[in-house]
């Protein structure tokens, strides 16, 4: 593999990943953030399911300077094994409680914005249904 990967961000969502991605892009780095990872989600899933080793997944990142956010942040060590000259940056919140509150808020916002129209009507009949 090429050794272009320069930065591996190991911070979980809600630890400044969007700010880090924006700053790296302003500095001229090519960055794969959550949205770019979704374009290759099948390769991530093949790796997570044990159907393929990490070689195919890592080759998709050979021309990328930096990775941030999920799912890359949870497998930072795999990226580092393939790109050992990279720098690993760990972003954290001030406390686990602060991180958790922010993460829950993000999930709740996502659920509200992406709720399917008919879920409002189903919940009127049965609160135990999870869609």
N, C-alpha and C. Protein backbone atom coordinates (compact mmCIF):
# COMPACT_ATOMS: atom_id res chain seq x y z
N UNK A 1 0.83 -1.20 0.00
CA UNK A 1 0.00 0.00 0.00
C UNK A 1 0.86 1.25 0.00
N UNK A 2 0.34 2.27 -0.61
CA UNK A 2 0.99 3.56 -0.55
C UNK A 2 1.00 4.05 0.89
N UNK A 3 1.89 4.91 1.20
CA UNK A 3 1.95 5.42 2.57
C UNK A 3 1.45 6.84 2.64
N UNK A 4 0.41 7.15 1.86
CA UNK A 4 -0.10 8.51 1.85
C UNK A 4 -0.81 8.88 3.15
N UNK A 5 -1.50 7.93 3.78
CA UNK A 5 -2.25 8.23 5.01
C UNK A 5 -1.33 8.89 6.02
N UNK A 6 -1.72 10.09 6.43
CA UNK A 6 -0.89 10.85 7.36
C UNK A 6 -1.48 10.95 8.76
N UNK A 7 -2.82 10.98 8.84
CA UNK A 7 -3.47 11.20 10.13
C UNK A 7 -4.63 10.23 10.30
N UNK A 8 -4.66 9.57 11.44
CA UNK A 8 -5.75 8.68 11.81
C UNK A 8 -6.35 9.26 13.09
N UNK A 9 -7.59 9.71 13.00
CA UNK A 9 -8.25 10.28 14.18
C UNK A 9 -9.02 9.18 14.89
N UNK A 10 -8.65 8.94 16.13
CA UNK A 10 -9.23 7.85 16.91
C UNK A 10 -10.36 8.32 17.82
N UNK A 11 -10.77 9.57 17.71
CA UNK A 11 -11.84 10.08 18.56
C UNK A 11 -13.21 9.62 18.10
N UNK A 12 -14.04 9.25 19.06
CA UNK A 12 -15.41 8.84 18.78
C UNK A 12 -16.23 10.04 18.30
N UNK A 13 -17.41 9.78 17.72
CA UNK A 13 -18.30 10.88 17.37
C UNK A 13 -18.57 11.74 18.60
N UNK A 14 -18.77 13.02 18.37
CA UNK A 14 -19.05 14.00 19.41
C UNK A 14 -17.80 14.34 20.23
N UNK A 15 -16.64 14.13 19.63
CA UNK A 15 -15.39 14.55 20.27
C UNK A 15 -14.66 15.58 19.41
N UNK A 16 -15.38 16.19 18.48
CA UNK A 16 -14.78 17.19 17.62
C UNK A 16 -14.38 16.65 16.26
N UNK A 17 -14.99 15.56 15.84
CA UNK A 17 -14.61 14.96 14.56
C UNK A 17 -14.93 15.87 13.37
N UNK A 18 -16.09 16.53 13.40
CA UNK A 18 -16.43 17.42 12.29
C UNK A 18 -15.48 18.62 12.25
N UNK A 19 -15.16 19.17 13.41
CA UNK A 19 -14.22 20.29 13.46
C UNK A 19 -12.84 19.85 12.99
N UNK A 20 -12.43 18.66 13.39
CA UNK A 20 -11.12 18.15 12.97
C UNK A 20 -11.10 17.95 11.46
N UNK A 21 -12.15 17.36 10.91
CA UNK A 21 -12.22 17.15 9.46
C UNK A 21 -12.16 18.48 8.71
N UNK A 22 -12.90 19.46 9.20
CA UNK A 22 -12.91 20.78 8.57
C UNK A 22 -11.52 21.41 8.62
N UNK A 23 -10.88 21.35 9.78
CA UNK A 23 -9.53 21.93 9.92
C UNK A 23 -8.53 21.24 9.00
N UNK A 24 -8.59 19.91 8.93
CA UNK A 24 -7.66 19.18 8.07
C UNK A 24 -7.89 19.53 6.61
N UNK A 25 -9.14 19.68 6.21
CA UNK A 25 -9.43 20.06 4.82
C UNK A 25 -8.92 21.47 4.53
N UNK A 26 -9.08 22.38 5.49
CA UNK A 26 -8.57 23.74 5.31
C UNK A 26 -7.04 23.74 5.15
N UNK A 27 -6.39 22.77 5.77
CA UNK A 27 -4.93 22.64 5.66
C UNK A 27 -4.50 21.90 4.39
N UNK A 28 -5.48 21.48 3.58
CA UNK A 28 -5.17 20.85 2.31
C UNK A 28 -5.16 19.33 2.31
N UNK A 29 -5.55 18.71 3.42
CA UNK A 29 -5.59 17.25 3.48
C UNK A 29 -6.86 16.72 2.83
N UNK A 30 -6.77 15.55 2.21
CA UNK A 30 -7.98 14.84 1.78
C UNK A 30 -8.43 14.02 2.98
N UNK A 31 -9.72 14.10 3.29
CA UNK A 31 -10.24 13.50 4.52
C UNK A 31 -11.44 12.62 4.20
N UNK A 32 -11.45 11.44 4.79
CA UNK A 32 -12.65 10.61 4.77
C UNK A 32 -13.29 10.71 6.14
N UNK A 33 -14.49 11.29 6.15
CA UNK A 33 -15.29 11.45 7.34
C UNK A 33 -16.43 10.41 7.26
N UNK A 34 -17.35 10.47 8.19
CA UNK A 34 -18.45 9.50 8.24
C UNK A 34 -19.14 9.36 6.89
N UNK A 35 -19.45 10.48 6.25
CA UNK A 35 -20.19 10.44 4.98
C UNK A 35 -19.40 9.70 3.90
N UNK A 36 -18.09 9.91 3.85
CA UNK A 36 -17.26 9.19 2.86
C UNK A 36 -17.14 7.72 3.22
N UNK A 37 -17.12 7.41 4.52
CA UNK A 37 -17.06 6.00 4.93
C UNK A 37 -18.30 5.24 4.47
N UNK A 38 -19.45 5.93 4.46
CA UNK A 38 -20.68 5.27 4.02
C UNK A 38 -20.58 4.81 2.57
N UNK A 39 -19.80 5.52 1.76
CA UNK A 39 -19.62 5.12 0.36
C UNK A 39 -18.93 3.76 0.25
N UNK A 40 -18.17 3.40 1.28
CA UNK A 40 -17.45 2.12 1.29
C UNK A 40 -17.96 1.18 2.38
N UNK A 41 -19.21 1.37 2.80
CA UNK A 41 -19.72 0.62 3.94
C UNK A 41 -19.68 -0.89 3.71
N UNK A 42 -19.88 -1.33 2.47
CA UNK A 42 -19.83 -2.77 2.21
C UNK A 42 -18.46 -3.36 2.54
N UNK A 43 -17.40 -2.64 2.22
CA UNK A 43 -16.06 -3.13 2.54
C UNK A 43 -15.81 -3.15 4.05
N UNK A 44 -16.31 -2.13 4.74
CA UNK A 44 -16.21 -2.13 6.20
C UNK A 44 -16.95 -3.33 6.78
N UNK A 45 -18.17 -3.57 6.29
CA UNK A 45 -18.97 -4.69 6.80
C UNK A 45 -18.34 -6.03 6.48
N UNK A 46 -17.77 -6.17 5.29
CA UNK A 46 -17.07 -7.41 4.95
C UNK A 46 -15.93 -7.68 5.92
N UNK A 47 -15.22 -6.63 6.29
CA UNK A 47 -14.14 -6.76 7.27
C UNK A 47 -14.69 -7.11 8.65
N UNK A 48 -15.69 -6.37 9.10
CA UNK A 48 -16.26 -6.61 10.43
C UNK A 48 -16.88 -7.99 10.55
N UNK A 49 -17.47 -8.48 9.46
CA UNK A 49 -18.09 -9.81 9.47
C UNK A 49 -17.07 -10.93 9.30
N UNK A 50 -15.81 -10.58 9.07
CA UNK A 50 -14.77 -11.60 8.90
C UNK A 50 -14.76 -12.24 7.53
N UNK A 51 -15.50 -11.66 6.58
CA UNK A 51 -15.54 -12.21 5.23
C UNK A 51 -14.28 -11.88 4.44
N UNK A 52 -13.64 -10.76 4.79
CA UNK A 52 -12.40 -10.35 4.12
C UNK A 52 -11.44 -9.82 5.17
N UNK A 53 -10.15 -9.90 4.86
CA UNK A 53 -9.19 -9.26 5.75
C UNK A 53 -9.19 -7.76 5.45
N UNK A 54 -8.36 -7.02 6.11
CA UNK A 54 -8.39 -5.56 5.99
C UNK A 54 -7.73 -5.01 4.73
N UNK A 55 -7.10 -5.84 3.94
CA UNK A 55 -6.36 -5.36 2.77
C UNK A 55 -7.22 -4.59 1.79
N UNK A 56 -8.36 -5.14 1.41
CA UNK A 56 -9.24 -4.48 0.44
C UNK A 56 -9.75 -3.15 0.99
N UNK A 57 -10.14 -3.15 2.25
CA UNK A 57 -10.64 -1.94 2.88
C UNK A 57 -9.55 -0.87 2.93
N UNK A 58 -8.36 -1.26 3.32
CA UNK A 58 -7.27 -0.28 3.43
C UNK A 58 -6.85 0.25 2.07
N UNK A 59 -6.95 -0.58 1.03
CA UNK A 59 -6.57 -0.10 -0.30
C UNK A 59 -7.50 1.01 -0.78
N UNK A 60 -8.73 1.05 -0.28
CA UNK A 60 -9.65 2.13 -0.63
C UNK A 60 -9.21 3.48 -0.06
N UNK A 61 -8.32 3.44 0.91
CA UNK A 61 -7.84 4.66 1.57
C UNK A 61 -6.43 5.05 1.16
N UNK A 62 -5.89 4.38 0.16
CA UNK A 62 -4.48 4.60 -0.20
C UNK A 62 -4.19 6.02 -0.69
N UNK A 63 -5.20 6.71 -1.18
CA UNK A 63 -4.99 8.09 -1.65
C UNK A 63 -5.63 9.14 -0.74
N UNK A 64 -5.93 8.74 0.45
CA UNK A 64 -6.55 9.63 1.44
C UNK A 64 -5.48 10.03 2.46
N UNK A 65 -5.51 11.30 2.87
CA UNK A 65 -4.54 11.78 3.86
C UNK A 65 -4.95 11.50 5.29
N UNK A 66 -6.28 11.52 5.56
CA UNK A 66 -6.73 11.41 6.94
C UNK A 66 -8.10 10.75 7.01
N UNK A 67 -8.35 10.05 8.12
CA UNK A 67 -9.67 9.47 8.40
C UNK A 67 -10.13 9.95 9.77
N UNK A 68 -11.44 10.23 9.85
CA UNK A 68 -12.06 10.64 11.11
C UNK A 68 -13.41 9.94 11.24
N UNK A 69 -13.91 9.84 12.43
CA UNK A 69 -15.27 9.39 12.75
C UNK A 69 -15.46 7.90 12.47
N UNK A 70 -16.68 7.46 12.75
CA UNK A 70 -17.03 6.05 12.59
C UNK A 70 -17.07 5.66 11.12
N UNK A 71 -16.80 4.45 10.77
CA UNK A 71 -16.30 3.38 11.62
C UNK A 71 -14.77 3.37 11.77
N UNK A 72 -14.10 4.28 11.10
CA UNK A 72 -12.63 4.27 11.11
C UNK A 72 -12.05 4.47 12.51
N UNK A 73 -12.69 5.31 13.32
CA UNK A 73 -12.12 5.61 14.63
C UNK A 73 -12.07 4.38 15.53
N UNK A 74 -13.01 3.47 15.38
CA UNK A 74 -13.01 2.27 16.22
C UNK A 74 -12.01 1.23 15.75
N UNK A 75 -11.49 1.41 14.55
CA UNK A 75 -10.49 0.48 14.04
C UNK A 75 -9.19 1.21 13.70
N UNK A 76 -8.90 2.22 14.50
CA UNK A 76 -7.70 3.03 14.26
C UNK A 76 -6.45 2.16 14.22
N UNK A 77 -6.40 1.13 15.04
CA UNK A 77 -5.20 0.30 15.10
C UNK A 77 -4.99 -0.46 13.78
N UNK A 78 -6.07 -0.89 13.15
CA UNK A 78 -5.97 -1.57 11.85
C UNK A 78 -5.41 -0.60 10.81
N UNK A 79 -5.93 0.63 10.81
CA UNK A 79 -5.39 1.63 9.90
C UNK A 79 -3.90 1.85 10.17
N UNK A 80 -3.54 1.94 11.44
CA UNK A 80 -2.15 2.19 11.80
C UNK A 80 -1.24 1.04 11.39
N UNK A 81 -1.72 -0.18 11.46
CA UNK A 81 -0.92 -1.32 11.01
C UNK A 81 -0.61 -1.22 9.52
N UNK A 82 -1.55 -0.72 8.74
CA UNK A 82 -1.33 -0.57 7.30
C UNK A 82 -0.58 0.70 6.94
N UNK A 83 -0.70 1.70 7.79
CA UNK A 83 -0.06 3.00 7.54
C UNK A 83 0.74 3.41 8.79
N UNK A 84 1.84 2.70 9.06
CA UNK A 84 2.59 2.91 10.31
C UNK A 84 3.29 4.26 10.43
N UNK A 85 3.43 5.00 9.35
CA UNK A 85 4.05 6.33 9.45
C UNK A 85 3.02 7.42 9.78
N UNK A 86 1.76 7.03 9.88
CA UNK A 86 0.71 7.99 10.21
C UNK A 86 0.80 8.43 11.66
N UNK A 87 0.22 9.58 11.93
CA UNK A 87 0.08 10.06 13.30
C UNK A 87 -1.35 9.75 13.74
N UNK A 88 -1.50 9.28 14.96
CA UNK A 88 -2.82 8.99 15.52
C UNK A 88 -3.18 10.11 16.48
N UNK A 89 -4.35 10.69 16.26
CA UNK A 89 -4.84 11.76 17.13
C UNK A 89 -6.08 11.25 17.86
N UNK A 90 -6.04 11.31 19.18
CA UNK A 90 -7.19 10.92 19.99
C UNK A 90 -7.86 12.18 20.51
N UNK A 91 -9.09 12.40 20.07
CA UNK A 91 -9.87 13.53 20.58
C UNK A 91 -10.79 13.00 21.66
N UNK A 92 -10.93 13.78 22.75
CA UNK A 92 -11.78 13.38 23.86
C UNK A 92 -12.64 14.55 24.33
N UNK A 93 -13.72 14.25 25.02
CA UNK A 93 -14.52 15.28 25.71
C UNK A 93 -13.93 15.45 27.11
N UNK A 94 -14.40 16.46 27.81
CA UNK A 94 -13.89 16.72 29.16
C UNK A 94 -14.18 15.59 30.14
N UNK A 95 -15.30 14.89 29.93
CA UNK A 95 -15.64 13.77 30.82
C UNK A 95 -16.48 12.76 30.04
N UNK A 96 -16.51 11.52 30.51
CA UNK A 96 -17.38 10.52 29.86
C UNK A 96 -18.85 10.93 29.92
N UNK A 97 -19.26 11.58 31.00
CA UNK A 97 -20.65 12.00 31.14
C UNK A 97 -21.01 13.07 30.10
N UNK A 98 -20.09 14.01 29.90
CA UNK A 98 -20.31 15.06 28.89
C UNK A 98 -20.40 14.44 27.50
N UNK A 99 -19.52 13.50 27.21
CA UNK A 99 -19.56 12.82 25.91
C UNK A 99 -20.88 12.08 25.73
N UNK A 100 -21.28 11.32 26.75
CA UNK A 100 -22.50 10.52 26.65
C UNK A 100 -23.72 11.40 26.44
N UNK A 101 -23.82 12.50 27.17
CA UNK A 101 -24.96 13.41 27.01
C UNK A 101 -25.01 13.96 25.59
N UNK A 102 -23.87 14.32 25.05
CA UNK A 102 -23.80 14.85 23.69
C UNK A 102 -24.16 13.77 22.67
N UNK A 103 -23.70 12.56 22.89
CA UNK A 103 -23.98 11.45 21.99
C UNK A 103 -25.47 11.13 21.98
N UNK A 104 -26.08 11.07 23.16
CA UNK A 104 -27.52 10.81 23.25
C UNK A 104 -28.30 11.89 22.54
N UNK A 105 -27.91 13.15 22.73
CA UNK A 105 -28.58 14.26 22.06
C UNK A 105 -28.50 14.10 20.53
N UNK A 106 -27.35 13.68 20.03
CA UNK A 106 -27.18 13.46 18.59
C UNK A 106 -28.11 12.35 18.10
N UNK A 107 -28.19 11.25 18.83
CA UNK A 107 -29.05 10.13 18.45
C UNK A 107 -30.52 10.57 18.46
N UNK A 108 -30.93 11.29 19.50
CA UNK A 108 -32.31 11.76 19.59
C UNK A 108 -32.64 12.70 18.43
N UNK A 109 -31.72 13.58 18.10
CA UNK A 109 -31.94 14.49 16.97
C UNK A 109 -32.08 13.71 15.67
N UNK A 110 -31.21 12.72 15.48
CA UNK A 110 -31.28 11.89 14.28
C UNK A 110 -32.62 11.17 14.20
N UNK A 111 -33.06 10.60 15.32
CA UNK A 111 -34.34 9.89 15.32
C UNK A 111 -35.49 10.84 14.97
N UNK A 112 -35.45 12.05 15.51
CA UNK A 112 -36.51 13.03 15.25
C UNK A 112 -36.52 13.45 13.78
N UNK A 113 -35.35 13.70 13.23
CA UNK A 113 -35.26 14.18 11.84
C UNK A 113 -35.54 13.09 10.82
N UNK A 114 -35.28 11.84 11.18
CA UNK A 114 -35.41 10.76 10.21
C UNK A 114 -36.54 9.79 10.54
N UNK A 115 -37.45 10.24 11.36
CA UNK A 115 -38.59 9.41 11.71
C UNK A 115 -39.46 9.22 10.47
N UNK A 116 -39.89 8.00 10.26
CA UNK A 116 -40.78 7.69 9.15
C UNK A 116 -42.16 8.25 9.50
N UNK A 117 -42.84 8.85 8.54
CA UNK A 117 -44.10 9.55 8.79
C UNK A 117 -45.12 8.73 9.54
N UNK A 118 -45.20 7.42 9.28
CA UNK A 118 -46.25 6.62 9.90
C UNK A 118 -45.91 6.18 11.32
N UNK A 119 -44.68 6.40 11.77
CA UNK A 119 -44.33 6.01 13.13
C UNK A 119 -45.15 6.77 14.17
N UNK A 120 -45.52 8.01 13.87
CA UNK A 120 -46.35 8.77 14.80
C UNK A 120 -47.70 8.08 15.03
N UNK A 121 -48.26 7.49 13.99
CA UNK A 121 -49.56 6.84 14.10
C UNK A 121 -49.45 5.49 14.77
N UNK A 122 -48.40 4.76 14.48
CA UNK A 122 -48.22 3.45 15.11
C UNK A 122 -48.04 3.60 16.61
N UNK A 123 -47.27 4.58 17.02
CA UNK A 123 -47.01 4.76 18.45
C UNK A 123 -48.29 5.08 19.23
N UNK A 124 -49.31 5.60 18.56
CA UNK A 124 -50.59 5.86 19.23
C UNK A 124 -51.27 4.57 19.66
N UNK A 125 -51.02 3.48 18.92
CA UNK A 125 -51.69 2.20 19.18
C UNK A 125 -50.88 1.29 20.10
N UNK A 126 -49.58 1.31 19.96
CA UNK A 126 -48.76 0.38 20.73
C UNK A 126 -47.40 1.00 20.99
N UNK A 127 -47.11 1.31 22.20
CA UNK A 127 -45.81 1.90 22.57
C UNK A 127 -44.69 0.90 22.59
N UNK A 128 -45.01 -0.39 22.45
CA UNK A 128 -43.95 -1.42 22.49
C UNK A 128 -43.37 -1.72 21.12
N UNK A 129 -43.94 -1.16 20.06
CA UNK A 129 -43.43 -1.41 18.71
C UNK A 129 -42.19 -0.55 18.47
N UNK A 130 -41.13 -1.20 18.07
CA UNK A 130 -39.90 -0.49 17.73
C UNK A 130 -39.62 -0.66 16.25
N UNK A 131 -39.55 0.44 15.55
CA UNK A 131 -39.28 0.38 14.11
C UNK A 131 -37.88 0.89 13.87
